[in-house]
Structure formats: structure tokens, C-alpha cells
Protein backbone atom coordinates (compact mmCIF):
# COMPACT_ATOMS: atom_id res chain seq x y z
CA MET A 1 6.61 -11.99 -2.55
CA VAL A 2 3.65 -9.88 -3.85
CA GLU A 3 1.16 -12.25 -2.54
CA THR A 4 2.73 -11.92 0.65
CA ILE A 5 3.00 -8.38 0.71
CA VAL A 6 -0.38 -7.57 -0.57
CA GLY A 7 -2.01 -10.31 1.53
CA CYS A 8 -0.80 -8.45 4.69
CA LYS A 9 -3.36 -6.44 6.13
CA TRP A 10 -0.97 -3.59 7.04
CA SER A 11 1.84 -3.98 4.51
CA LEU A 12 0.28 -1.73 1.95
CA THR A 13 -0.72 0.60 4.75
CA VAL A 14 2.86 1.05 5.87
CA VAL A 15 4.06 1.50 2.00
CA ASP A 16 1.47 4.21 1.69
CA LEU A 17 2.57 5.79 4.85
CA VAL A 18 6.34 5.99 3.59
CA LYS A 19 5.04 7.13 0.28
CA HIS A 20 3.22 10.05 2.20
CA GLY A 21 6.67 11.05 4.04
CA ILE A 22 6.02 9.07 7.34
CA ARG A 23 9.19 7.28 7.75
CA ARG A 24 9.46 6.99 11.76
CA PRO A 25 7.92 3.94 13.35
CA GLY A 26 6.51 6.03 16.34
CA ALA A 27 4.80 8.38 13.81
CA MET A 28 3.39 5.47 11.62
CA GLU A 29 1.76 3.88 14.81
CA HIS A 30 0.31 7.07 15.76
CA SER A 31 -0.99 7.83 12.39
CA VAL A 32 -3.24 4.68 11.98
CA LYS A 33 -5.51 3.59 14.47
CA GLY A 34 -5.30 -0.08 15.22
CA LEU A 35 -1.81 -0.59 13.99
CA THR A 36 0.06 -1.88 16.85
CA ALA A 37 4.09 -1.83 17.58
CA LYS A 38 4.47 -5.61 17.17
CA VAL A 39 2.31 -5.69 14.00
CA LEU A 40 4.22 -2.42 12.60
CA ASN A 41 7.34 -3.92 13.50
CA ASP A 42 6.85 -7.33 11.81
CA CYS A 43 5.33 -5.24 8.58
CA LEU A 44 8.61 -3.31 8.52
CA ARG A 45 10.74 -6.39 8.86
CA LEU A 46 8.76 -8.21 6.13
CA LEU A 47 9.11 -5.17 3.63
CA VAL A 48 13.08 -4.85 4.83
CA SER A 49 13.55 -8.58 4.20
CA TYR A 50 12.01 -8.19 0.56
CA GLU A 51 14.07 -4.92 -0.01
CA VAL A 52 11.04 -2.70 -0.57
CA LEU A 53 12.15 -0.61 2.09
CA GLU A 54 15.51 0.06 3.99
CA LYS A 55 16.02 1.01 7.62
CA ARG A 56 18.26 3.97 8.09
CA SER A 57 19.54 4.14 11.66
CA PHE A 58 20.96 7.54 13.10
CA PRO A 59 23.71 7.43 15.78
CA GLU A 60 21.95 9.93 18.00
CA VAL A 61 20.49 9.83 21.57
CA PRO A 62 17.92 8.95 21.67
CA PRO A 63 18.22 6.61 18.73
CA ARG A 64 16.31 7.43 15.45
CA VAL A 65 15.05 5.16 12.57
CA GLU A 66 13.53 5.62 9.54
CA TYR A 67 12.48 3.81 6.63
CA HIS A 68 12.79 4.64 2.96
CA PHE A 69 12.00 2.93 -0.50
CA THR A 70 14.74 1.29 -1.93
CA SER A 71 15.24 1.46 -5.91
CA PHE A 72 13.26 -1.64 -6.01
CA GLY A 73 10.66 -0.27 -3.70
CA LYS A 74 10.08 2.75 -5.94
CA LYS A 75 9.41 0.43 -8.63
CA PHE A 76 7.08 -1.81 -6.67
CA ASN A 77 5.39 1.13 -5.38
CA GLY A 78 4.72 2.09 -9.00
CA THR A 79 2.94 -1.05 -9.83
CA PHE A 80 0.25 -0.12 -7.39
CA LYS A 81 -0.22 3.37 -9.52
CA VAL A 82 -0.61 1.44 -12.52
CA LEU A 83 -3.07 -0.73 -10.99
CA ASP A 84 -4.78 2.21 -9.48
CA THR A 85 -5.30 3.76 -13.12
CA LEU A 86 -6.45 0.41 -14.57
CA GLU A 87 -9.27 0.06 -11.92
CA LYS A 88 -10.19 4.02 -12.58
CA GLN A 89 -10.30 3.20 -16.34
CA LEU A 90 -12.37 0.14 -15.56
CA ASN A 91 -14.87 1.77 -13.25
CA ARG A 92 -15.18 4.57 -16.02
CA ALA A 93 -15.89 1.93 -18.75
CA LYS A 94 -18.77 0.29 -16.28
CA ARG A 95 -20.38 3.72 -15.86
CA LYS A 96 -20.49 4.17 -19.56
CA THR A 97 -22.07 0.93 -20.16
CA ILE A 98 -25.65 1.11 -19.46
CA THR A 99 -27.32 -1.98 -19.51
CA LYS A 100 -30.72 -2.16 -20.99
CA PRO A 101 -32.99 -4.90 -19.58
CA ALA A 102 -34.30 -7.23 -21.97
CA PRO A 103 -37.89 -6.99 -23.12
CA CYS A 104 -40.27 -9.18 -21.59
CA GLY A 105 -42.06 -11.93 -23.67
CA ASP A 106 -45.20 -9.75 -24.14
CA CYS A 107 -43.32 -6.83 -25.08
CA LYS A 108 -42.14 -6.35 -28.78
């Protein structure tokens, strides 16, 4: 499941959009250059099937649909925060470690 979602070029983008309050498909499509309606619908369908997102339909004219995180989706999204924190810590550790070149055979 994680491999399928993370491996999809657009799934994490869609998760990020929902996280930032962009919940309607039309707004999502307009927010990201290159994201087509077909690809967006495929990603949304995938995320709903894994219960990361839930689809809410409103009985209005014209019809309105919004996507929200499920309780599982909120936990799933939390793992990305943890991974982001770990990546930042790793990058800071790399910057602190200054590799000194080994002396050449003539230098002592």
C-alpha cells in the first residue's frame, strides 16, 4: 500500500493539497500544473480505496464533492512529518561532518 501510494507521481501531491485545505477536485486540478482530470481522479480513487481519503458528496445543484482525510489518513500523513524531520536531521548531521582530505604520500 505504501509503495503504491509513494510510488505514484501524483498521490503525494494530492495528499499535500488536501493537507493544505484544497479539497475539491477542480481546485486541485487548477492548483498543480500538469495534473489532468483523469490522473487526478485515478489518484483520488486510489487514496479512497486505501482509506487515506474519504469522498464527501453534497446534494446540491451543481453537485459538490470534497475529499477529507480519514482517521487512518491523518496517521498516514503523520508518517511523512516524521520522515521529513529525520531527513532534516540527517542533512544537518552531514553539514556538521566536514571530511578532511587524506594527506598525500609526500605530506606528513
